[in-house]
């Protein structure tokens, strides 16, 4: 048995060195052969799981985004279609409203013009009655025509026109016009008709220009040129009467563009327009 302490220490030191080297090599081999592969496998598994999770999550996100986009587009399309339909409906409604307003405005204008003509006619007839030159109207047209013929033969031209005009019968007015040439009424030394008679004559003759156009045009042309705007009664009623005349002349020209009287009627229309704007 070895009892020498130096030898024992030397032996222990040698054994310890040899064991340490062996253990170090064992630990190194174990770490390389066991721990590293296990760590690599664990990391690989972890990264694969992370990759799969990210891939799956990305797929689900893309799917959700596509679904939302589709729904959003569908909803947007529906909303756009709804807005377009509402816009079209609003446009149609607005057009219908505009047409209704235009129609009602025209109807009201016609009513106002008719009322104005009625008022003017009443005022002109009142003027005729105040002049004291008109006898009470007969109910029988033949008797009236006989009375008018007598007045004409006696040279009572103004009275004859007033009588015919107050009867509100255009045929009687035309009877006087056809039996009294315009040059006999509208003379160089002055017009035989009073201003209120001229206004009433223009109003009634222009009511229908489609018949007896020639004689009506000749009388209307002279009557318009003999209106006196300085006369209070004339100045009050002339705009309404001339607007009615201008309208009827326009109607005639539209309906009879090739009439031999178109040029003359157009000249009268221009003169009427000029008086209205003066």
C-alpha atoms as a PDB file:
ATOM      1  CA  UNK A   1       0.000   0.000   0.000  1.00  0.00           C
ATOM      2  CA  UNK A   2       1.289   3.375  -0.936  1.00  0.00           C
ATOM      3  CA  UNK A   3       1.629   5.574   2.144  1.00  0.00           C
ATOM      4  CA  UNK A   4       3.922   8.290   0.980  1.00  0.00           C
ATOM      5  CA  UNK A   5       1.930  11.553   0.889  1.00  0.00           C
ATOM      6  CA  UNK A   6       3.845  13.046  -2.039  1.00  0.00           C
ATOM      7  CA  UNK A   7       3.203   9.963  -4.061  1.00  0.00           C
ATOM      8  CA  UNK A   8      -0.466   9.999  -3.073  1.00  0.00           C
ATOM      9  CA  UNK A   9      -0.810  13.649  -4.054  1.00  0.00           C
ATOM     10  CA  UNK A  10       0.944  13.016  -7.322  1.00  0.00           C
ATOM     11  CA  UNK A  11      -1.269  10.057  -8.033  1.00  0.00           C
ATOM     12  CA  UNK A  12      -4.424  12.011  -7.111  1.00  0.00           C
ATOM     13  CA  UNK A  13      -3.365  14.881  -9.293  1.00  0.00           C
ATOM     14  CA  UNK A  14      -2.730  12.549 -12.223  1.00  0.00           C
ATOM     15  CA  UNK A  15      -6.078  10.804 -11.769  1.00  0.00           C
ATOM     16  CA  UNK A  16      -7.891  14.115 -11.438  1.00  0.00           C
ATOM     17  CA  UNK A  17      -6.270  15.452 -14.597  1.00  0.00           C
ATOM     18  CA  UNK A  18      -7.070  12.315 -16.497  1.00  0.00           C
ATOM     19  CA  UNK A  19     -10.684  12.295 -15.222  1.00  0.00           C
ATOM     20  CA  UNK A  20     -11.176  15.979 -16.002  1.00  0.00           C
ATOM     21  CA  UNK A  21      -9.991  15.526 -19.523  1.00  0.00           C
ATOM     22  CA  UNK A  22     -12.243  12.504 -19.944  1.00  0.00           C
ATOM     23  CA  UNK A  23     -15.280  14.283 -18.437  1.00  0.00           C
ATOM     24  CA  UNK A  24     -14.674  17.375 -20.543  1.00  0.00           C
ATOM     25  CA  UNK A  25     -14.510  15.252 -23.657  1.00  0.00           C
ATOM     26  CA  UNK A  26     -17.602  13.334 -22.523  1.00  0.00           C
ATOM     27  CA  UNK A  27     -19.563  16.543 -21.935  1.00  0.00           C
ATOM     28  CA  UNK A  28     -18.447  17.910 -25.284  1.00  0.00           C
ATOM     29  CA  UNK A  29     -19.403  14.750 -27.121  1.00  0.00           C
ATOM     30  CA  UNK A  30     -22.733  14.562 -25.306  1.00  0.00           C
ATOM     31  CA  UNK A  31     -23.540  18.239 -26.081  1.00  0.00           C
ATOM     32  CA  UNK A  32     -22.645  17.881 -29.743  1.00  0.00           C
ATOM     33  CA  UNK A  33     -24.379  14.548 -30.232  1.00  0.00           C
ATOM     34  CA  UNK A  34     -27.446  15.035 -28.022  1.00  0.00           C
ATOM     35  CA  UNK A  35     -28.101  18.625 -26.921  1.00  0.00           C
ATOM     36  CA  UNK A  36     -27.380  20.376 -30.223  1.00  0.00           C
ATOM     37  CA  UNK A  37     -29.612  18.071 -32.316  1.00  0.00           C
ATOM     38  CA  UNK A  38     -32.378  18.389 -29.743  1.00  0.00           C
ATOM     39  CA  UNK A  39     -32.032  22.180 -29.763  1.00  0.00           C
ATOM     40  CA  UNK A  40     -31.967  22.243 -33.555  1.00  0.00           C
ATOM     41  CA  UNK A  41     -35.073  20.069 -33.713  1.00  0.00           C
ATOM     42  CA  UNK A  42     -36.848  22.224 -31.152  1.00  0.00           C
ATOM     43  CA  UNK A  43     -35.948  25.419 -33.044  1.00  0.00           C
ATOM     44  CA  UNK A  44     -36.946  23.889 -36.365  1.00  0.00           C
ATOM     45  CA  UNK A  45     -40.278  22.748 -34.924  1.00  0.00           C
ATOM     46  CA  UNK A  46     -40.845  26.152 -33.361  1.00  0.00           C
ATOM     47  CA  UNK A  47     -40.043  28.002 -36.600  1.00  0.00           C
ATOM     48  CA  UNK A  48     -42.252  25.635 -38.603  1.00  0.00           C
ATOM     49  CA  UNK A  49     -45.124  26.235 -36.197  1.00  0.00           C
ATOM     50  CA  UNK A  50     -44.563  29.988 -36.373  1.00  0.00           C
ATOM     51  CA  UNK A  51     -44.412  29.824 -40.178  1.00  0.00           C
ATOM     52  CA  UNK A  52     -47.588  27.738 -40.362  1.00  0.00           C
ATOM     53  CA  UNK A  53     -49.353  30.069 -37.952  1.00  0.00           C
ATOM     54  CA  UNK A  54     -48.299  33.139 -39.922  1.00  0.00           C
ATOM     55  CA  UNK A  55     -49.195  31.510 -43.237  1.00  0.00           C
ATOM     56  CA  UNK A  56     -52.620  30.413 -41.948  1.00  0.00           C
ATOM     57  CA  UNK A  57     -53.225  33.809 -40.389  1.00  0.00           C
ATOM     58  CA  UNK A  58     -52.245  35.578 -43.580  1.00  0.00           C
ATOM     59  CA  UNK A  59     -54.521  33.325 -45.626  1.00  0.00           C
ATOM     60  CA  UNK A  60     -57.420  33.968 -43.261  1.00  0.00           C
ATOM     61  CA  UNK A  61     -56.711  37.717 -43.357  1.00  0.00           C
ATOM     62  CA  UNK A  62     -56.630  37.736 -47.157  1.00  0.00           C
ATOM     63  CA  UNK A  63     -59.840  35.708 -47.249  1.00  0.00           C
ATOM     64  CA  UNK A  64     -61.558  38.058 -44.816  1.00  0.00           C
ATOM     65  CA  UNK A  65     -60.288  41.074 -46.750  1.00  0.00           C
ATOM     66  CA  UNK A  66     -61.581  39.648 -50.034  1.00  0.00           C
ATOM     67  CA  UNK A  67     -64.931  38.805 -48.445  1.00  0.00           C
ATOM     68  CA  UNK A  68     -65.205  42.285 -46.946  1.00  0.00           C
ATOM     69  CA  UNK A  69     -64.197  43.855 -50.243  1.00  0.00           C
ATOM     70  CA  UNK A  70     -66.818  41.816 -52.087  1.00  0.00           C
ATOM     71  CA  UNK A  71     -69.492  42.712 -49.566  1.00  0.00           C
ATOM     72  CA  UNK A  72     -68.356  46.326 -49.600  1.00  0.00           C
ATOM     73  CA  UNK A  73     -68.467  46.428 -53.389  1.00  0.00           C
ATOM     74  CA  UNK A  74     -71.878  44.804 -53.406  1.00  0.00           C
ATOM     75  CA  UNK A  75     -73.110  47.259 -50.792  1.00  0.00           C
ATOM     76  CA  UNK A  76     -71.521  50.131 -52.673  1.00  0.00           C
ATOM     77  CA  UNK A  77     -73.097  48.984 -55.927  1.00  0.00           C
ATOM     78  CA  UNK A  78     -76.478  48.697 -54.253  1.00  0.00           C
ATOM     79  CA  UNK A  79     -76.064  52.148 -52.742  1.00  0.00           C
ATOM     80  CA  UNK A  80     -74.990  53.582 -56.088  1.00  0.00           C
ATOM     81  CA  UNK A  81     -77.945  51.962 -57.827  1.00  0.00           C
ATOM     82  CA  UNK A  82     -80.265  53.290 -55.141  1.00  0.00           C
ATOM     83  CA  UNK A  83     -78.806  56.786 -55.473  1.00  0.00           C
ATOM     84  CA  UNK A  84     -79.043  56.619 -59.263  1.00  0.00           C
ATOM     85  CA  UNK A  85     -82.649  55.461 -59.078  1.00  0.00           C
ATOM     86  CA  UNK A  86     -83.466  58.224 -56.604  1.00  0.00           C
ATOM     87  CA  UNK A  87     -81.733  60.777 -58.826  1.00  0.00           C
ATOM     88  CA  UNK A  88     -83.671  59.612 -61.883  1.00  0.00           C
ATOM     89  CA  UNK A  89     -86.912  59.702 -59.934  1.00  0.00           C
ATOM     90  CA  UNK A  90     -86.087  63.188 -58.677  1.00  0.00           C
ATOM     91  CA  UNK A  91     -85.311  64.330 -62.218  1.00  0.00           C
ATOM     92  CA  UNK A  92     -88.608  62.966 -63.524  1.00  0.00           C
ATOM     93  CA  UNK A  93     -90.492  64.532 -60.631  1.00  0.00           C
ATOM     94  CA  UNK A  94     -88.768  67.875 -61.190  1.00  0.00           C
ATOM     95  CA  UNK A  95     -89.601  67.754 -64.904  1.00  0.00           C
ATOM     96  CA  UNK A  96     -93.223  66.919 -64.162  1.00  0.00           C
ATOM     97  CA  UNK A  97     -93.350  69.766 -61.664  1.00  0.00           C
ATOM     98  CA  UNK A  98     -91.819  72.149 -64.221  1.00  0.00           C
ATOM     99  CA  UNK A  99     -94.313  71.045 -66.883  1.00  0.00           C
ATOM    100  CA  UNK A 100     -97.183  71.503 -64.454  1.00  0.00           C
ATOM    101  CA  UNK A 101     -95.955  74.956 -63.460  1.00  0.00           C
ATOM    102  CA  UNK A 102     -95.519  75.952 -67.123  1.00  0.00           C
ATOM    103  CA  UNK A 103     -98.981  74.656 -67.971  1.00  0.00           C
ATOM    104  CA  UNK A 104    -100.597  76.429 -65.027  1.00  0.00           C
ATOM    105  CA  UNK A 105     -98.651  79.611 -65.780  1.00  0.00           C
ATOM    106  CA  UNK A 106     -99.868  79.572 -69.377  1.00  0.00           C
ATOM    107  CA  UNK A 107    -103.419  78.908 -68.235  1.00  0.00           C
ATOM    108  CA  UNK A 108    -103.245  81.762 -65.741  1.00  0.00           C
ATOM    109  CA  UNK A 109    -101.764  84.079 -68.366  1.00  0.00           C
ATOM    110  CA  UNK A 110    -104.584  83.198 -70.743  1.00  0.00           C
ATOM    111  CA  UNK A 111    -107.106  83.840 -67.987  1.00  0.00           C
ATOM    112  CA  UNK A 112    -105.482  87.169 -67.125  1.00  0.00           C
ATOM    113  CA  UNK A 113    -105.433  88.235 -70.763  1.00  0.00           C
ATOM    114  CA  UNK A 114    -109.048  87.220 -71.194  1.00  0.00           C
ATOM    115  CA  UNK A 115    -109.958  89.131 -68.046  1.00  0.00           C
ATOM    116  CA  UNK A 116    -108.025  92.143 -69.295  1.00  0.00           C
ATOM    117  CA  UNK A 117    -109.839  91.991 -72.626  1.00  0.00           C
ATOM    118  CA  UNK A 118    -113.150  91.780 -70.808  1.00  0.00           C
ATOM    119  CA  UNK A 119    -112.307  94.744 -68.597  1.00  0.00           C
ATOM    120  CA  UNK A 120    -111.041  96.778 -71.530  1.00  0.00           C
ATOM    121  CA  UNK A 121    -114.112  95.929 -73.560  1.00  0.00           C
ATOM    122  CA  UNK A 122    -116.353  96.921 -70.668  1.00  0.00           C
ATOM    123  CA  UNK A 123    -114.468 100.187 -70.185  1.00  0.00           C
ATOM    124  CA  UNK A 124    -114.563 100.953 -73.881  1.00  0.00           C
ATOM    125  CA  UNK A 125    -118.273 100.224 -74.027  1.00  0.00           C
ATOM    126  CA  UNK A 126    -118.773 102.485 -71.035  1.00  0.00           C
ATOM    127  CA  UNK A 127    -116.855 105.156 -72.921  1.00  0.00           C
ATOM    128  CA  UNK A 128    -119.156 104.672 -75.858  1.00  0.00           C
ATOM    129  CA  UNK A 129    -122.214 105.037 -73.668  1.00  0.00           C
ATOM    130  CA  UNK A 130    -120.801 108.170 -72.014  1.00  0.00           C
ATOM    131  CA  UNK A 131    -120.240 109.729 -75.428  1.00  0.00           C
ATOM    132  CA  UNK A 132    -124.002 109.730 -75.924  1.00  0.00           C
ATOM    133  CA  UNK A 133    -123.688 108.739 -79.585  1.00  0.00           C
ATOM    134  CA  UNK A 134    -124.788 105.119 -79.321  1.00  0.00           C
ATOM    135  CA  UNK A 135    -128.412 104.105 -79.312  1.00  0.00           C
ATOM    136  CA  UNK A 136    -129.510 101.044 -77.316  1.00  0.00           C
ATOM    137  CA  UNK A 137    -128.576  97.814 -79.048  1.00  0.00           C
ATOM    138  CA  UNK A 138    -131.259  95.818 -80.822  1.00  0.00           C
ATOM    139  CA  UNK A 139    -131.539  92.115 -80.174  1.00  0.00           C
ATOM    140  CA  UNK A 140    -132.273  91.253 -83.813  1.00  0.00           C
ATOM    141  CA  UNK A 141    -129.092  91.319 -85.951  1.00  0.00           C
ATOM    142  CA  UNK A 142    -131.116  92.227 -89.038  1.00  0.00           C
ATOM    143  CA  UNK A 143    -132.598  95.243 -87.307  1.00  0.00           C
ATOM    144  CA  UNK A 144    -129.141  96.195 -86.076  1.00  0.00           C
ATOM    145  CA  UNK A 145    -127.733  95.891 -89.582  1.00  0.00           C
ATOM    146  CA  UNK A 146    -130.540  98.080 -90.896  1.00  0.00           C
ATOM    147  CA  UNK A 147    -129.794 100.653 -88.219  1.00  0.00           C
ATOM    148  CA  UNK A 148    -126.096 100.570 -89.092  1.00  0.00           C
ATOM    149  CA  UNK A 149    -126.841 100.997 -92.796  1.00  0.00           C
ATOM    150  CA  UNK A 150    -128.922 104.083 -92.012  1.00  0.00           C
ATOM    151  CA  UNK A 151    -126.124 105.559 -89.874  1.00  0.00           C
ATOM    152  CA  UNK A 152    -123.587 104.967 -92.649  1.00  0.00           C
ATOM    153  CA  UNK A 153    -125.791 106.590 -95.270  1.00  0.00           C
ATOM    154  CA  UNK A 154    -126.193 109.607 -92.997  1.00  0.00           C
ATOM    155  CA  UNK A 155    -122.424 109.885 -92.543  1.00  0.00           C
ATOM    156  CA  UNK A 156    -122.540 108.886 -88.871  1.00  0.00           C
ATOM    157  CA  UNK A 157    -119.439 106.748 -89.226  1.00  0.00           C
ATOM    158  CA  UNK A 158    -118.245 106.969 -85.632  1.00  0.00           C
ATOM    159  CA  UNK A 159    -121.748 106.199 -84.319  1.00  0.00           C
ATOM    160  CA  UNK A 160    -122.075 103.208 -86.682  1.00  0.00           C
ATOM    161  CA  UNK A 161    -118.802 101.718 -85.481  1.00  0.00           C
ATOM    162  CA  UNK A 162    -119.722 102.309 -81.844  1.00  0.00           C
ATOM    163  CA  UNK A 163    -123.098 100.653 -82.381  1.00  0.00           C
ATOM    164  CA  UNK A 164    -121.547  97.590 -84.027  1.00  0.00           C
ATOM    165  CA  UNK A 165    -118.758  97.294 -81.473  1.00  0.00           C
ATOM    166  CA  UNK A 166    -121.102  97.623 -78.488  1.00  0.00           C
ATOM    167  CA  UNK A 167    -123.159  94.692 -79.812  1.00  0.00           C
ATOM    168  CA  UNK A 168    -120.081  92.413 -79.451  1.00  0.00           C
ATOM    169  CA  UNK A 169    -120.968  90.812 -82.786  1.00  0.00           C
ATOM    170  CA  UNK A 170    -118.023  90.614 -85.174  1.00  0.00           C
ATOM    171  CA  UNK A 171    -120.295  90.134 -88.174  1.00  0.00           C
ATOM    172  CA  UNK A 172    -121.835  93.568 -87.526  1.00  0.00           C
ATOM    173  CA  UNK A 173    -118.386  95.134 -87.171  1.00  0.00           C
ATOM    174  CA  UNK A 174    -117.352  93.535 -90.461  1.00  0.00           C
ATOM    175  CA  UNK A 175    -120.555  94.826 -92.070  1.00  0.00           C
ATOM    176  CA  UNK A 176    -119.558  98.393 -91.219  1.00  0.00           C
ATOM    177  CA  UNK A 177    -115.935  97.826 -92.315  1.00  0.00           C
ATOM    178  CA  UNK A 178    -117.013  96.388 -95.655  1.00  0.00           C
ATOM    179  CA  UNK A 179    -119.432  99.246 -96.296  1.00  0.00           C
ATOM    180  CA  UNK A 180    -117.119 102.052 -95.214  1.00  0.00           C
ATOM    181  CA  UNK A 181    -113.730 102.140 -97.011  1.00  0.00           C
ATOM    182  CA  UNK A 182    -110.776 102.741 -94.666  1.00  0.00           C
ATOM    183  CA  UNK A 183    -109.785 105.923 -96.496  1.00  0.00           C
ATOM    184  CA  UNK A 184    -113.174 107.405 -95.649  1.00  0.00           C
ATOM    185  CA  UNK A 185    -112.532 106.822 -91.934  1.00  0.00           C
ATOM    186  CA  UNK A 186    -108.826 107.636 -91.748  1.00  0.00           C
ATOM    187  CA  UNK A 187    -108.612 110.874 -93.690  1.00  0.00           C
ATOM    188  CA  UNK A 188    -105.774 113.304 -94.192  1.00  0.00           C
ATOM    189  CA  UNK A 189    -107.540 115.867 -92.027  1.00  0.00           C
ATOM    190  CA  UNK A 190    -107.946 113.390 -89.166  1.00  0.00           C
ATOM    191  CA  UNK A 191    -109.557 110.132 -88.035  1.00  0.00           C
ATOM    192  CA  UNK A 192    -113.350 110.059 -87.713  1.00  0.00           C
ATOM    193  CA  UNK A 193    -113.250 107.545 -84.869  1.00  0.00           C
ATOM    194  CA  UNK A 194    -112.713 108.414 -81.233  1.00  0.00           C
ATOM    195  CA  UNK A 195    -109.828 106.808 -79.363  1.00  0.00           C
ATOM    196  CA  UNK A 196    -111.942 104.366 -77.358  1.00  0.00           C
ATOM    197  CA  UNK A 197    -113.627 103.287 -80.602  1.00  0.00           C
ATOM    198  CA  UNK A 198    -110.231 102.651 -82.223  1.00  0.00           C
ATOM    199  CA  UNK A 199    -109.132 100.520 -79.282  1.00  0.00           C
ATOM    200  CA  UNK A 200    -112.319  98.462 -79.319  1.00  0.00           C
ATOM    201  CA  UNK A 201    -112.078  98.086 -83.106  1.00  0.00           C
ATOM    202  CA  UNK A 202    -108.491  96.784 -82.891  1.00  0.00           C
ATOM    203  CA  UNK A 203    -109.479  94.380 -80.149  1.00  0.00           C
ATOM    204  CA  UNK A 204    -112.438  92.862 -81.991  1.00  0.00           C
ATOM    205  CA  UNK A 205    -110.901  92.746 -85.478  1.00  0.00           C
ATOM    206  CA  UNK A 206    -107.743  91.021 -84.220  1.00  0.00           C
ATOM    207  CA  UNK A 207    -109.679  88.292 -82.386  1.00  0.00           C
ATOM    208  CA  UNK A 208    -109.664  86.140 -85.543  1.00  0.00           C
ATOM    209  CA  UNK A 209    -107.345  86.985 -88.419  1.00  0.00           C
ATOM    210  CA  UNK A 210    -108.061  83.827 -90.401  1.00  0.00           C
ATOM    211  CA  UNK A 211    -111.147  85.286 -92.114  1.00  0.00           C
ATOM    212  CA  UNK A 212    -111.597  88.591 -93.966  1.00  0.00           C
ATOM    213  CA  UNK A 213    -107.868  89.070 -93.464  1.00  0.00           C
ATOM    214  CA  UNK A 214    -107.448  91.724 -96.150  1.00  0.00           C
ATOM    215  CA  UNK A 215    -110.064  94.198 -94.899  1.00  0.00           C
ATOM    216  CA  UNK A 216    -109.113  93.516 -91.278  1.00  0.00           C
ATOM    217  CA  UNK A 217    -105.458  94.185 -92.032  1.00  0.00           C
ATOM    218  CA  UNK A 218    -106.214  97.488 -93.757  1.00  0.00           C
ATOM    219  CA  UNK A 219    -108.369  98.700 -90.883  1.00  0.00           C
ATOM    220  CA  UNK A 220    -105.960  97.464 -88.211  1.00  0.00           C
ATOM    221  CA  UNK A 221    -102.998  99.108 -89.907  1.00  0.00           C
ATOM    222  CA  UNK A 222    -104.737 102.489 -89.985  1.00  0.00           C
ATOM    223  CA  UNK A 223    -106.233 102.119 -86.506  1.00  0.00           C
ATOM    224  CA  UNK A 224    -102.857 101.342 -84.929  1.00  0.00           C
ATOM    225  CA  UNK A 225    -101.221 104.327 -86.630  1.00  0.00           C
ATOM    226  CA  UNK A 226    -103.980 106.642 -85.366  1.00  0.00           C
ATOM    227  CA  UNK A 227    -103.730 105.716 -81.688  1.00  0.00           C
ATOM    228  CA  UNK A 228    -102.920 108.735 -79.548  1.00  0.00           C
ATOM    229  CA  UNK A 229    -100.783 107.799 -76.550  1.00  0.00           C
ATOM    230  CA  UNK A 230    -101.285 111.264 -75.077  1.00  0.00           C
ATOM    231  CA  UNK A 231    -104.939 110.375 -74.516  1.00  0.00           C
ATOM    232  CA  UNK A 232    -105.428 109.137 -70.936  1.00  0.00           C
ATOM    233  CA  UNK A 233    -107.903 106.387 -71.887  1.00  0.00           C
ATOM    234  CA  UNK A 234    -105.711 105.253 -74.776  1.00  0.00           C
ATOM    235  CA  UNK A 235    -102.545 105.224 -72.696  1.00  0.00           C
ATOM    236  CA  UNK A 236    -104.278 103.092 -70.051  1.00  0.00           C
ATOM    237  CA  UNK A 237    -105.677 100.396 -72.340  1.00  0.00           C
ATOM    238  CA  UNK A 238    -103.355 100.457 -75.367  1.00  0.00           C
ATOM    239  CA  UNK A 239    -100.741  97.967 -74.009  1.00  0.00           C
ATOM    240  CA  UNK A 240    -103.320  95.236 -73.405  1.00  0.00           C
ATOM    241  CA  UNK A 241    -104.992  95.766 -76.775  1.00  0.00           C
ATOM    242  CA  UNK A 242    -101.703  95.846 -78.691  1.00  0.00           C
ATOM    243  CA  UNK A 243    -100.376  92.729 -76.945  1.00  0.00           C
ATOM    244  CA  UNK A 244    -103.526  90.887 -77.987  1.00  0.00           C
ATOM    245  CA  UNK A 245    -103.094  92.138 -81.561  1.00  0.00           C
ATOM    246  CA  UNK A 246     -99.419  91.151 -81.649  1.00  0.00           C
ATOM    247  CA  UNK A 247    -100.263  87.654 -80.417  1.00  0.00           C
ATOM    248  CA  UNK A 248    -102.983  87.117 -83.039  1.00  0.00           C
ATOM    249  CA  UNK A 249    -100.722  88.384 -85.832  1.00  0.00           C
ATOM    250  CA  UNK A 250     -98.078  85.901 -84.735  1.00  0.00           C
ATOM    251  CA  UNK A 251    -100.666  83.100 -84.742  1.00  0.00           C
ATOM    252  CA  UNK A 252    -101.760  84.035 -88.261  1.00  0.00           C
ATOM    253  CA  UNK A 253     -98.186  84.105 -89.591  1.00  0.00           C
ATOM    254  CA  UNK A 254     -97.432  80.720 -88.038  1.00  0.00           C
ATOM    255  CA  UNK A 255    -100.570  79.170 -89.530  1.00  0.00           C
ATOM    256  CA  UNK A 256    -100.292  80.900 -92.924  1.00  0.00           C
ATOM    257  CA  UNK A 257     -96.590  81.309 -93.779  1.00  0.00           C
ATOM    258  CA  UNK A 258     -97.287  81.351 -97.530  1.00  0.00           C
ATOM    259  CA  UNK A 259    -100.214  83.762 -97.501  1.00  0.00           C
ATOM    260  CA  UNK A 260     -99.992  86.641 -99.973  1.00  0.00           C
ATOM    261  CA  UNK A 261    -100.691  88.938 -97.039  1.00  0.00           C
ATOM    262  CA  UNK A 262     -97.850  87.558 -94.904  1.00  0.00           C
ATOM    263  CA  UNK A 263     -95.527  90.448 -95.726  1.00  0.00           C
ATOM    264  CA  UNK A 264     -98.137  93.084 -94.875  1.00  0.00           C
ATOM    265  CA  UNK A 265     -99.142  91.288 -91.689  1.00  0.00           C
ATOM    266  CA  UNK A 266     -95.495  91.012 -90.649  1.00  0.00           C
ATOM    267  CA  UNK A 267     -95.031  94.764 -91.173  1.00  0.00           C
ATOM    268  CA  UNK A 268     -98.060  95.405 -88.956  1.00  0.00           C
ATOM    269  CA  UNK A 269     -96.623  93.058 -86.350  1.00  0.00           C
ATOM    270  CA  UNK A 270     -93.358  95.013 -86.349  1.00  0.00           C
ATOM    271  CA  UNK A 271     -95.221  98.315 -85.989  1.00  0.00           C
ATOM    272  CA  UNK A 272     -97.222  96.895 -83.091  1.00  0.00           C
ATOM    273  CA  UNK A 273     -94.061  95.632 -81.415  1.00  0.00           C
ATOM    274  CA  UNK A 274     -92.460  99.049 -81.831  1.00  0.00           C
ATOM    275  CA  UNK A 275     -95.424 100.790 -80.189  1.00  0.00           C
ATOM    276  CA  UNK A 276     -95.362  98.348 -77.282  1.00  0.00           C
ATOM    277  CA  UNK A 277     -91.684  99.078 -76.638  1.00  0.00           C
ATOM    278  CA  UNK A 278     -91.866 102.813 -77.125  1.00  0.00           C
END
